[in-house]
Every structure is written in structure tokens, then in C-alpha cells.
N, C-alpha and C. Protein backbone atom coordinates (compact mmCIF):
# COMPACT_ATOMS: atom_id res chain seq x y z
N MET A 1 25.06 48.08 -15.20
CA MET A 1 25.60 47.78 -13.96
C MET A 1 25.59 46.16 -13.63
N PHE A 2 24.47 45.60 -13.80
CA PHE A 2 24.49 44.14 -13.41
C PHE A 2 24.26 43.50 -14.86
N GLN A 3 25.21 42.63 -14.92
CA GLN A 3 24.87 41.73 -16.16
C GLN A 3 24.30 40.43 -15.96
N GLN A 4 23.14 40.00 -16.70
CA GLN A 4 22.41 39.21 -16.39
C GLN A 4 23.12 38.01 -17.08
N LYS A 5 23.34 37.00 -16.33
CA LYS A 5 23.98 35.68 -16.87
C LYS A 5 22.72 34.45 -16.87
N ARG A 6 22.69 33.81 -18.06
CA ARG A 6 21.67 32.93 -18.09
C ARG A 6 22.13 31.75 -17.17
N PHE A 7 21.21 31.01 -16.47
CA PHE A 7 21.62 30.10 -15.55
C PHE A 7 22.00 28.87 -16.40
N GLY A 8 21.42 28.34 -17.33
CA GLY A 8 21.80 27.12 -17.99
C GLY A 8 21.46 25.67 -17.25
N PHE A 9 21.59 24.79 -17.97
CA PHE A 9 20.93 23.65 -17.73
C PHE A 9 21.70 23.19 -16.23
N ASP A 10 20.98 22.95 -15.16
CA ASP A 10 21.55 22.58 -13.73
C ASP A 10 21.81 21.20 -13.73
N TRP A 11 22.95 20.80 -13.77
CA TRP A 11 23.32 19.29 -13.71
C TRP A 11 23.29 18.89 -12.24
N GLY A 12 23.62 19.72 -11.43
CA GLY A 12 23.40 19.39 -9.95
C GLY A 12 21.79 19.01 -9.54
N GLU A 13 21.23 19.73 -10.14
CA GLU A 13 19.76 19.58 -9.76
C GLU A 13 19.34 18.37 -10.35
N PHE A 14 19.77 18.16 -11.73
CA PHE A 14 19.27 16.82 -12.30
C PHE A 14 19.66 15.82 -11.67
N ILE A 15 21.01 15.69 -11.23
CA ILE A 15 21.74 14.48 -10.43
C ILE A 15 21.00 14.27 -9.20
N THR A 16 20.59 15.37 -8.42
CA THR A 16 19.67 15.32 -7.21
C THR A 16 18.41 14.46 -7.71
N GLY A 17 17.77 15.01 -8.77
CA GLY A 17 16.41 14.13 -9.24
C GLY A 17 16.66 12.86 -9.22
N VAL A 18 17.74 12.53 -9.97
CA VAL A 18 17.84 11.14 -10.42
C VAL A 18 18.17 10.34 -9.10
N ALA A 19 18.94 11.03 -8.23
CA ALA A 19 19.24 10.14 -6.92
C ALA A 19 18.13 10.10 -6.12
N LEU A 20 17.23 11.02 -6.05
CA LEU A 20 15.92 10.90 -5.36
C LEU A 20 15.11 9.66 -5.89
N ILE A 21 15.09 9.82 -7.15
CA ILE A 21 14.05 8.67 -7.80
C ILE A 21 14.81 7.31 -7.70
N VAL A 22 16.02 7.08 -7.74
CA VAL A 22 16.78 5.81 -7.54
C VAL A 22 16.51 5.42 -5.92
N ALA A 23 16.65 6.57 -5.00
CA ALA A 23 16.18 6.09 -3.74
C ALA A 23 15.06 5.79 -3.33
N ALA A 24 13.90 6.21 -4.06
CA ALA A 24 12.58 6.02 -4.00
C ALA A 24 12.39 4.32 -4.33
N VAL A 25 13.29 3.90 -5.50
CA VAL A 25 13.04 2.54 -5.77
C VAL A 25 13.89 1.50 -4.89
N VAL A 26 14.98 1.93 -4.26
CA VAL A 26 15.53 1.19 -3.42
C VAL A 26 14.59 1.14 -2.08
N VAL A 27 13.91 2.42 -1.56
CA VAL A 27 13.03 2.24 -0.36
C VAL A 27 11.89 1.38 -0.82
N LEU A 28 11.46 1.43 -1.95
CA LEU A 28 10.30 0.44 -2.06
C LEU A 28 10.63 -0.98 -2.36
N ARG A 29 12.00 -1.30 -2.72
CA ARG A 29 12.35 -2.67 -3.07
C ARG A 29 12.86 -3.30 -1.62
N HIS A 30 13.21 -2.47 -0.79
CA HIS A 30 13.64 -2.92 0.46
C HIS A 30 13.24 -2.29 1.84
N PRO A 31 11.67 -2.40 1.79
CA PRO A 31 10.93 -1.97 2.98
C PRO A 31 11.68 -2.19 4.42
N ALA A 32 11.91 -3.52 4.57
CA ALA A 32 12.57 -3.66 6.06
C ALA A 32 13.65 -3.16 6.33
N ALA A 33 14.53 -3.06 5.27
CA ALA A 33 15.92 -2.23 5.39
C ALA A 33 15.60 -0.73 5.77
N THR A 34 14.53 -0.03 5.07
CA THR A 34 14.11 1.19 5.22
C THR A 34 13.71 1.49 6.62
N MET A 35 13.06 0.68 7.06
CA MET A 35 12.49 0.82 8.68
C MET A 35 13.50 0.76 9.58
N VAL A 36 14.42 -0.33 9.43
CA VAL A 36 15.63 -0.33 10.12
C VAL A 36 16.32 0.67 10.31
N THR A 37 16.69 1.37 9.09
CA THR A 37 17.56 2.72 8.96
C THR A 37 16.55 3.80 9.61
N LEU A 38 15.41 3.82 9.53
CA LEU A 38 14.70 4.90 10.24
C LEU A 38 14.57 4.78 11.58
N SER A 39 14.49 3.44 12.02
CA SER A 39 14.65 3.43 13.68
C SER A 39 16.01 3.86 13.96
N PHE A 40 17.03 3.32 13.27
CA PHE A 40 18.47 3.72 13.84
C PHE A 40 18.45 5.27 13.90
N VAL A 41 18.18 5.88 12.66
CA VAL A 41 18.35 7.33 12.79
C VAL A 41 17.44 8.07 13.73
N PHE A 42 16.08 7.43 14.09
CA PHE A 42 15.47 8.15 15.06
C PHE A 42 16.14 7.82 16.50
N ALA A 43 16.84 6.67 16.72
CA ALA A 43 17.60 6.26 17.96
C ALA A 43 18.78 7.39 18.13
N LEU A 44 19.31 7.68 17.13
CA LEU A 44 20.53 8.64 17.19
C LEU A 44 19.87 10.01 17.53
N VAL A 45 18.95 10.37 16.82
CA VAL A 45 18.33 11.84 17.06
C VAL A 45 17.90 12.02 18.63
N ALA A 46 17.30 10.83 19.03
CA ALA A 46 16.65 10.67 20.54
C ALA A 46 17.70 10.89 21.31
N ILE A 47 18.99 10.20 21.29
CA ILE A 47 20.08 10.22 22.06
C ILE A 47 20.68 11.53 22.03
N ILE A 48 20.93 12.05 20.76
CA ILE A 48 21.44 13.58 20.71
C ILE A 48 20.46 14.64 21.45
N ARG A 49 19.32 14.33 21.13
CA ARG A 49 18.27 15.41 21.75
C ARG A 49 18.41 15.16 23.54
N GLY A 50 18.33 13.97 23.83
CA GLY A 50 18.51 13.60 25.27
C GLY A 50 19.56 14.30 25.85
N ILE A 51 20.92 14.22 25.25
CA ILE A 51 22.14 14.73 25.80
C ILE A 51 22.07 16.25 25.58
N ALA A 52 21.55 16.92 24.71
CA ALA A 52 21.48 18.37 24.69
C ALA A 52 20.31 18.85 25.74
N THR A 53 19.48 18.16 25.87
CA THR A 53 18.46 18.48 26.97
C THR A 53 19.26 18.31 28.22
N LEU A 54 19.80 17.33 28.57
CA LEU A 54 20.40 17.25 29.99
C LEU A 54 21.45 18.39 30.10
N ALA A 55 22.16 18.66 29.10
CA ALA A 55 23.23 19.77 29.06
C ALA A 55 22.61 21.16 29.25
N ALA A 56 21.47 21.28 29.00
CA ALA A 56 20.66 22.52 29.12
C ALA A 56 19.92 22.76 30.41
N PHE A 57 19.78 21.50 31.04
CA PHE A 57 18.93 21.35 32.47
C PHE A 57 19.59 22.40 33.46
N PRO A 58 20.67 22.35 33.80
CA PRO A 58 21.24 23.52 34.89
C PRO A 58 20.67 24.87 34.57
N ASN A 59 21.05 25.41 33.40
CA ASN A 59 20.50 26.60 33.09
C ASN A 59 19.15 26.74 33.09
N LEU A 60 18.18 25.74 32.55
CA LEU A 60 16.83 25.91 32.79
C LEU A 60 16.36 26.01 34.15
N ARG A 61 16.99 25.10 34.89
CA ARG A 61 16.56 24.99 36.46
C ARG A 61 16.56 26.64 37.05
N GLN A 62 17.68 27.16 36.65
CA GLN A 62 18.08 28.42 37.46
C GLN A 62 17.16 29.39 36.78
N VAL A 63 16.72 29.41 35.50
CA VAL A 63 15.59 30.33 35.06
C VAL A 63 14.23 30.11 35.35
N THR A 64 13.87 28.75 35.22
CA THR A 64 12.41 28.56 35.45
C THR A 64 12.23 27.97 36.77
N GLY A 65 12.98 27.17 37.50
CA GLY A 65 12.92 26.51 38.79
C GLY A 65 11.82 25.52 38.61
N GLY A 66 10.75 25.54 39.39
CA GLY A 66 9.54 24.65 39.56
C GLY A 66 9.47 23.40 38.76
N LEU A 67 8.99 23.52 37.59
CA LEU A 67 8.73 22.15 36.87
C LEU A 67 10.06 21.91 36.01
N SER A 68 11.13 22.49 36.09
CA SER A 68 12.23 21.96 35.35
C SER A 68 12.79 20.58 35.35
N TRP A 69 12.31 19.86 36.56
CA TRP A 69 12.60 18.32 36.65
C TRP A 69 12.05 17.55 35.46
N LEU A 70 10.78 18.24 34.97
CA LEU A 70 10.29 17.41 33.82
C LEU A 70 11.24 17.27 32.70
N THR A 71 11.89 18.37 32.45
CA THR A 71 12.74 18.46 31.38
C THR A 71 13.96 17.64 31.47
N LEU A 72 14.49 17.19 32.87
CA LEU A 72 15.46 16.46 33.20
C LEU A 72 14.81 14.97 32.88
N VAL A 73 13.64 14.64 33.36
CA VAL A 73 13.03 13.39 32.99
C VAL A 73 12.93 13.08 31.43
N SER A 74 12.68 14.24 30.51
CA SER A 74 12.55 13.94 29.46
C SER A 74 13.69 13.66 28.67
N GLY A 75 14.84 14.31 29.10
CA GLY A 75 16.01 14.10 28.47
C GLY A 75 16.64 12.77 28.81
N ILE A 76 16.42 12.04 29.93
CA ILE A 76 16.82 10.87 30.34
C ILE A 76 15.83 9.77 29.57
N PHE A 77 14.63 10.02 29.38
CA PHE A 77 13.68 9.32 28.61
C PHE A 77 14.31 9.09 27.11
N ASP A 78 14.60 10.36 26.57
CA ASP A 78 15.09 10.24 25.24
C ASP A 78 16.17 9.56 25.15
N ILE A 79 17.19 9.56 25.89
CA ILE A 79 18.36 8.71 25.96
C ILE A 79 18.08 7.39 26.13
N ILE A 80 17.19 6.90 26.98
CA ILE A 80 16.88 5.31 27.11
C ILE A 80 16.20 4.93 25.85
N LEU A 81 15.23 5.87 25.35
CA LEU A 81 14.61 5.36 24.08
C LEU A 81 15.46 5.13 23.10
N GLY A 82 16.46 5.94 22.79
CA GLY A 82 17.39 5.94 21.58
C GLY A 82 18.26 4.58 21.90
N LEU A 83 18.63 4.45 23.12
CA LEU A 83 19.67 3.22 23.24
C LEU A 83 18.58 1.92 23.35
N LEU A 84 17.22 2.07 23.55
CA LEU A 84 16.56 0.93 23.60
C LEU A 84 16.31 0.62 21.83
N PHE A 85 16.33 1.59 21.08
CA PHE A 85 16.03 1.46 19.66
C PHE A 85 17.38 0.90 19.11
N ILE A 86 18.53 1.34 19.27
CA ILE A 86 19.79 0.85 18.91
C ILE A 86 20.08 -0.40 19.14
N PHE A 87 19.63 -1.01 20.44
CA PHE A 87 20.05 -2.29 20.91
C PHE A 87 19.03 -3.34 20.63
N ASN A 88 17.75 -2.85 20.31
CA ASN A 88 16.61 -3.74 19.87
C ASN A 88 15.82 -3.03 18.72
N ILE A 89 16.59 -3.13 17.56
CA ILE A 89 16.04 -2.70 16.35
C ILE A 89 14.45 -3.14 16.03
N PRO A 90 14.24 -4.31 16.32
CA PRO A 90 12.84 -4.76 15.90
C PRO A 90 11.77 -3.84 16.91
N ALA A 91 12.22 -3.63 18.27
CA ALA A 91 11.30 -2.73 18.91
C ALA A 91 11.28 -1.49 18.30
N GLY A 92 12.27 -0.79 17.79
CA GLY A 92 12.27 0.45 17.22
C GLY A 92 11.39 0.30 15.83
N VAL A 93 11.42 -0.51 15.17
CA VAL A 93 10.62 -0.58 13.81
C VAL A 93 9.00 -0.82 14.41
N PHE A 94 8.89 -1.68 15.37
CA PHE A 94 7.39 -1.61 15.78
C PHE A 94 6.99 -0.41 16.35
N THR A 95 7.65 0.16 17.10
CA THR A 95 7.38 1.60 17.84
C THR A 95 7.15 2.49 16.78
N LEU A 96 8.04 2.57 15.53
CA LEU A 96 7.84 3.75 14.61
C LEU A 96 6.63 3.30 13.86
N ALA A 97 6.13 2.24 13.45
CA ALA A 97 4.88 1.71 12.83
C ALA A 97 3.71 2.37 13.82
N TYR A 98 3.81 1.99 15.14
CA TYR A 98 2.66 2.48 15.99
C TYR A 98 2.77 4.18 15.91
N MET A 99 3.95 4.68 16.05
CA MET A 99 3.97 6.19 16.10
C MET A 99 3.08 6.92 14.61
N PHE A 100 3.42 6.38 13.77
CA PHE A 100 3.02 6.57 12.38
C PHE A 100 1.41 6.51 12.47
N ALA A 101 0.98 5.36 13.19
CA ALA A 101 -0.59 5.21 12.98
C ALA A 101 -1.11 6.30 14.00
N ILE A 102 -0.64 6.48 15.24
CA ILE A 102 -1.00 7.29 16.26
C ILE A 102 -1.02 8.85 15.60
N TRP A 103 0.02 9.09 14.82
CA TRP A 103 -0.03 10.62 14.19
C TRP A 103 -1.26 10.74 13.39
N PHE A 104 -1.75 9.73 12.51
CA PHE A 104 -2.93 9.93 11.74
C PHE A 104 -4.16 10.09 12.72
N VAL A 105 -4.13 9.39 13.91
CA VAL A 105 -5.53 9.44 14.76
C VAL A 105 -5.30 10.80 15.45
N ILE A 106 -4.20 11.25 15.94
CA ILE A 106 -4.14 12.48 16.85
C ILE A 106 -4.51 13.75 15.79
N ASP A 107 -3.84 13.60 14.45
CA ASP A 107 -4.01 14.68 13.58
C ASP A 107 -5.50 14.83 13.14
N SER A 108 -6.06 13.65 12.80
CA SER A 108 -7.55 13.57 12.48
C SER A 108 -8.29 14.02 13.52
N ILE A 109 -8.16 13.93 14.88
CA ILE A 109 -8.87 14.44 15.93
C ILE A 109 -8.91 15.88 16.10
N ALA A 110 -7.54 16.33 15.94
CA ALA A 110 -7.37 17.68 15.93
C ALA A 110 -8.24 18.53 14.88
N GLY A 111 -8.16 17.66 13.74
CA GLY A 111 -8.71 18.54 12.54
C GLY A 111 -10.39 18.42 12.83
N LEU A 112 -10.80 17.41 13.46
CA LEU A 112 -12.08 17.42 13.70
C LEU A 112 -12.80 18.38 14.67
N ALA A 113 -11.79 18.64 15.52
CA ALA A 113 -11.92 19.55 16.83
C ALA A 113 -11.97 20.94 16.21
N ASN A 114 -11.30 21.20 15.04
CA ASN A 114 -11.12 22.62 14.67
C ASN A 114 -11.65 22.80 13.45
N ALA A 115 -12.65 21.85 12.97
CA ALA A 115 -13.10 21.94 11.70
C ALA A 115 -14.16 23.22 11.41
N SER A 116 -14.95 23.72 12.56
CA SER A 116 -15.99 24.56 12.63
C SER A 116 -15.55 25.88 12.04
N HIS A 117 -14.19 26.20 11.94
CA HIS A 117 -13.92 27.47 11.35
C HIS A 117 -14.20 27.43 9.90
N LEU A 118 -14.57 26.27 9.34
CA LEU A 118 -14.60 26.20 7.71
C LEU A 118 -15.92 26.40 7.40
N ARG A 119 -16.76 26.64 8.49
CA ARG A 119 -18.33 26.76 7.94
C ARG A 119 -18.34 28.24 7.47
N ARG A 120 -17.63 29.14 7.70
CA ARG A 120 -17.54 30.42 7.02
C ARG A 120 -17.29 30.47 5.79
N ALA A 121 -16.30 29.41 5.35
CA ALA A 121 -15.97 29.23 3.96
C ALA A 121 -16.96 28.66 3.03
N GLY A 122 -18.13 28.00 3.78
CA GLY A 122 -19.11 27.52 2.87
C GLY A 122 -19.29 26.08 3.60
N THR A 123 -20.53 25.51 3.54
CA THR A 123 -20.97 24.23 4.10
C THR A 123 -20.19 23.22 3.14
N GLY A 124 -19.84 23.15 1.92
CA GLY A 124 -19.27 22.27 1.20
C GLY A 124 -17.92 22.18 1.53
N TRP A 125 -17.10 22.98 1.82
CA TRP A 125 -15.87 22.98 2.33
C TRP A 125 -15.64 22.34 3.71
N TYR A 126 -16.72 22.70 4.52
CA TYR A 126 -16.91 22.08 5.98
C TYR A 126 -17.18 20.82 6.02
N VAL A 127 -18.09 20.40 5.16
CA VAL A 127 -18.49 18.83 4.92
C VAL A 127 -17.33 17.98 4.32
N LEU A 128 -16.73 18.50 3.44
CA LEU A 128 -15.53 17.99 2.66
C LEU A 128 -14.38 17.81 3.83
N ASP A 129 -14.28 18.71 4.64
CA ASP A 129 -13.28 18.42 5.79
C ASP A 129 -13.56 17.56 6.80
N LEU A 130 -14.70 17.63 7.13
CA LEU A 130 -15.42 16.43 8.08
C LEU A 130 -15.11 15.15 7.45
N ILE A 131 -15.42 14.82 6.23
CA ILE A 131 -15.38 13.53 5.65
C ILE A 131 -13.73 13.22 5.48
N LEU A 132 -13.07 14.09 5.08
CA LEU A 132 -11.53 13.61 5.19
C LEU A 132 -11.05 13.41 6.55
N GLN A 133 -11.15 14.26 7.54
CA GLN A 133 -10.87 13.97 8.88
C GLN A 133 -11.31 12.70 9.38
N VAL A 134 -12.53 12.33 9.03
CA VAL A 134 -13.10 10.90 9.59
C VAL A 134 -12.42 10.02 9.08
N PHE A 135 -12.16 10.07 7.62
CA PHE A 135 -11.41 9.02 6.77
C PHE A 135 -10.28 8.65 7.29
N GLY A 136 -9.42 10.01 7.84
CA GLY A 136 -8.21 9.95 8.25
C GLY A 136 -8.01 9.25 9.67
N LEU A 137 -8.99 9.32 10.43
CA LEU A 137 -9.17 8.76 11.59
C LEU A 137 -9.54 7.21 11.60
N LEU A 138 -10.24 6.77 10.70
CA LEU A 138 -10.33 5.46 10.33
C LEU A 138 -9.14 4.77 9.83
N VAL A 139 -8.60 5.49 8.93
CA VAL A 139 -7.12 5.01 8.59
C VAL A 139 -6.20 4.52 9.66
N GLY A 140 -6.00 5.84 10.34
CA GLY A 140 -5.38 5.52 11.62
C GLY A 140 -5.62 4.58 12.75
N ILE A 141 -6.87 4.41 12.91
CA ILE A 141 -7.37 3.36 13.81
C ILE A 141 -6.97 1.71 12.88
N LEU A 142 -7.24 1.70 11.81
CA LEU A 142 -6.88 0.57 11.04
C LEU A 142 -5.36 0.19 11.15
N LEU A 143 -4.50 1.26 11.15
CA LEU A 143 -3.07 1.15 11.02
C LEU A 143 -2.64 0.83 12.58
N LEU A 144 -3.40 1.26 13.55
CA LEU A 144 -3.15 0.90 14.82
C LEU A 144 -3.29 -0.57 15.02
N MET A 145 -4.31 -1.22 14.32
CA MET A 145 -4.72 -2.70 14.33
C MET A 145 -3.69 -3.57 13.64
N ASN A 146 -3.08 -2.83 12.86
CA ASN A 146 -1.97 -3.86 11.96
C ASN A 146 -0.74 -2.84 11.92
N PRO A 147 0.17 -3.05 12.57
CA PRO A 147 1.41 -2.22 12.59
C PRO A 147 2.23 -2.38 11.32
N VAL A 148 2.14 -3.85 10.85
CA VAL A 148 2.86 -4.11 9.40
C VAL A 148 2.36 -3.25 8.52
N VAL A 149 0.90 -2.94 8.32
CA VAL A 149 0.24 -1.97 7.32
C VAL A 149 0.87 -0.51 7.54
N SER A 150 1.15 -0.18 8.74
CA SER A 150 1.50 1.15 9.17
C SER A 150 2.93 1.29 8.54
N ALA A 151 3.78 0.06 8.93
CA ALA A 151 5.10 0.46 8.42
C ALA A 151 5.26 0.36 7.04
N VAL A 152 4.38 -0.44 6.11
CA VAL A 152 4.46 -0.33 4.73
C VAL A 152 4.12 0.98 4.21
N SER A 153 2.86 1.36 4.91
CA SER A 153 2.62 3.02 4.46
C SER A 153 3.57 3.79 4.66
N MET A 154 4.20 3.95 5.68
CA MET A 154 5.29 4.90 5.95
C MET A 154 6.29 4.73 4.86
N VAL A 155 6.69 3.71 4.55
CA VAL A 155 7.80 3.54 3.53
C VAL A 155 7.26 3.76 2.29
N SER A 156 6.16 3.63 2.07
CA SER A 156 5.40 4.15 0.65
C SER A 156 5.50 5.49 0.60
N LEU A 157 4.93 6.19 1.58
CA LEU A 157 5.00 7.75 1.81
C LEU A 157 6.46 8.25 1.58
N ILE A 158 7.23 7.84 2.05
CA ILE A 158 8.63 8.14 2.00
C ILE A 158 9.18 8.13 0.52
N ALA A 159 8.94 6.88 -0.20
CA ALA A 159 9.26 6.77 -1.57
C ALA A 159 8.39 7.76 -2.45
N MET A 160 7.32 8.21 -2.11
CA MET A 160 6.47 8.91 -2.95
C MET A 160 7.03 10.30 -2.73
N ALA A 161 7.49 10.70 -1.55
CA ALA A 161 8.13 12.22 -1.36
C ALA A 161 9.50 12.33 -2.18
N PHE A 162 10.21 10.97 -2.17
CA PHE A 162 11.40 11.02 -2.87
C PHE A 162 11.17 10.99 -4.49
N ILE A 163 10.17 10.43 -4.83
CA ILE A 163 9.65 10.64 -6.21
C ILE A 163 9.44 12.00 -6.55
N ILE A 164 8.41 12.49 -5.96
CA ILE A 164 8.15 13.95 -6.21
C ILE A 164 9.04 14.96 -6.12
N PHE A 165 9.88 14.87 -5.06
CA PHE A 165 11.09 15.98 -4.94
C PHE A 165 11.91 15.27 -6.11
N GLY A 166 12.10 14.23 -6.48
CA GLY A 166 13.10 14.05 -7.55
C GLY A 166 12.53 14.52 -9.04
N ILE A 167 11.26 14.27 -9.11
CA ILE A 167 10.86 14.98 -10.52
C ILE A 167 10.89 16.49 -10.46
N GLY A 168 10.55 16.96 -9.30
CA GLY A 168 10.83 18.42 -9.16
C GLY A 168 12.12 18.97 -9.44
N ALA A 169 13.02 18.20 -9.07
CA ALA A 169 14.41 18.65 -9.13
C ALA A 169 14.98 18.46 -10.63
N ILE A 170 14.41 17.28 -11.47
CA ILE A 170 14.60 17.12 -12.73
C ILE A 170 13.96 18.33 -13.69
N VAL A 171 12.70 18.60 -13.12
CA VAL A 171 11.91 19.71 -13.87
C VAL A 171 12.77 20.93 -13.74
N MET A 172 13.19 21.31 -12.37
CA MET A 172 14.04 22.46 -12.19
C MET A 172 15.34 22.57 -13.13
N ALA A 173 15.99 21.42 -13.28
CA ALA A 173 17.13 21.34 -13.99
C ALA A 173 16.77 21.87 -15.42
N PHE A 174 15.77 21.41 -16.00
CA PHE A 174 15.39 21.92 -17.56
C PHE A 174 14.91 23.22 -17.38
N ALA A 175 14.07 23.64 -16.44
CA ALA A 175 13.63 24.80 -16.51
C ALA A 175 14.88 26.00 -16.55
N ARG A 176 15.70 25.64 -15.57
CA ARG A 176 16.73 26.41 -15.44
C ARG A 176 17.52 26.74 -16.86
N ARG A 177 17.40 25.83 -17.76
CA ARG A 177 18.10 25.77 -19.04
C ARG A 177 17.67 27.29 -19.84
N ASP A 178 16.51 27.63 -19.59
CA ASP A 178 15.86 28.64 -20.25
C ASP A 178 15.94 29.91 -19.32
N ALA A 179 16.37 29.79 -18.18
CA ALA A 179 16.15 30.81 -17.41
C ALA A 179 17.35 32.01 -17.32
């Protein structure tokens, strides 16, 4: 009833993998341009989100009433933030670097607050998690002290993600040859 056809070498996946690795090299060679691009994309997303929030506000106010004004304020704030980032790219880059550092701090504090559940898995896992969360907190604090390092770290992580996904795509292209 069903005929199995071999997948064959996946050229699309292979080209995607190569493109991702090339993108990683470009990101690493031009970190300032990468941060400017990230800031611009963030600005566009903030503006679009703000407009969508404002468009949904009347319906939300009818359904929820009370605190719906917070959504209105949030939508206006998103638009203002987006416009600020578009018209003042250095401020956007600077803010993104701080946001990256704050993300580390908040995530590590949350991890420390919730680490106790790992005691059931064993003391070793619990202690390892505590050590990693404290390390993450220290890294976040250090990044807050030096936003330039935070920006470079963000660019490096993006490049690493591109490399990992690129290698994965290339491996998939070859693996499908035999599938």
C-alpha cells in the first residue's frame, strides 16, 4: 500500500547548515553590527507588540474591567521603548547588554529559590545545582558591572547557537542520505 522512498541527501538542510556556520563567523567578526541589528529587531518587535496590545485593549477592558489600564500602559511603554531603540541605537545596544546580564541574575536567583526540590534526587545533584546557580549569579553580577562584556557574551552565545544548529543541519543532511 505505501511505498517507502529513501529520503536521500538533503541539500536544503546542508545549505542551511553552511549558511548558519557562515552567519556565526559574520556575527563573531562583526559584534558591534550584530548588537545594532539585535537592537533594531528588538525595537521593531516592541513597536509591533505595543500596537497589538493597544488594538486588543478595548476588548480586554470590556472583559476584565478593573486593572486593564495596566495593559494600556504596557502597550504605550512598548511603543515608546521601540521608538527609543530605533532613534537611539546606542541606547538600545546598551539596554540589551544590561537585559542580558539581568536575565542571568534573575534566572540564577529563581534557580536558587527552587533548588530544594533536587534534594530528593540526591545531595550531589542538589549541591551541584547550588554551585551552578551561584556561579550564574556571580556571572550576572559581573556582567552588570561591565555591559560591554555582556554584549560580547551575547554575541558569542548567538554565534555558538548558529554553529551548533549549523552542524546539526549538516549532520542531518548526511544522515538523511541513508534514511
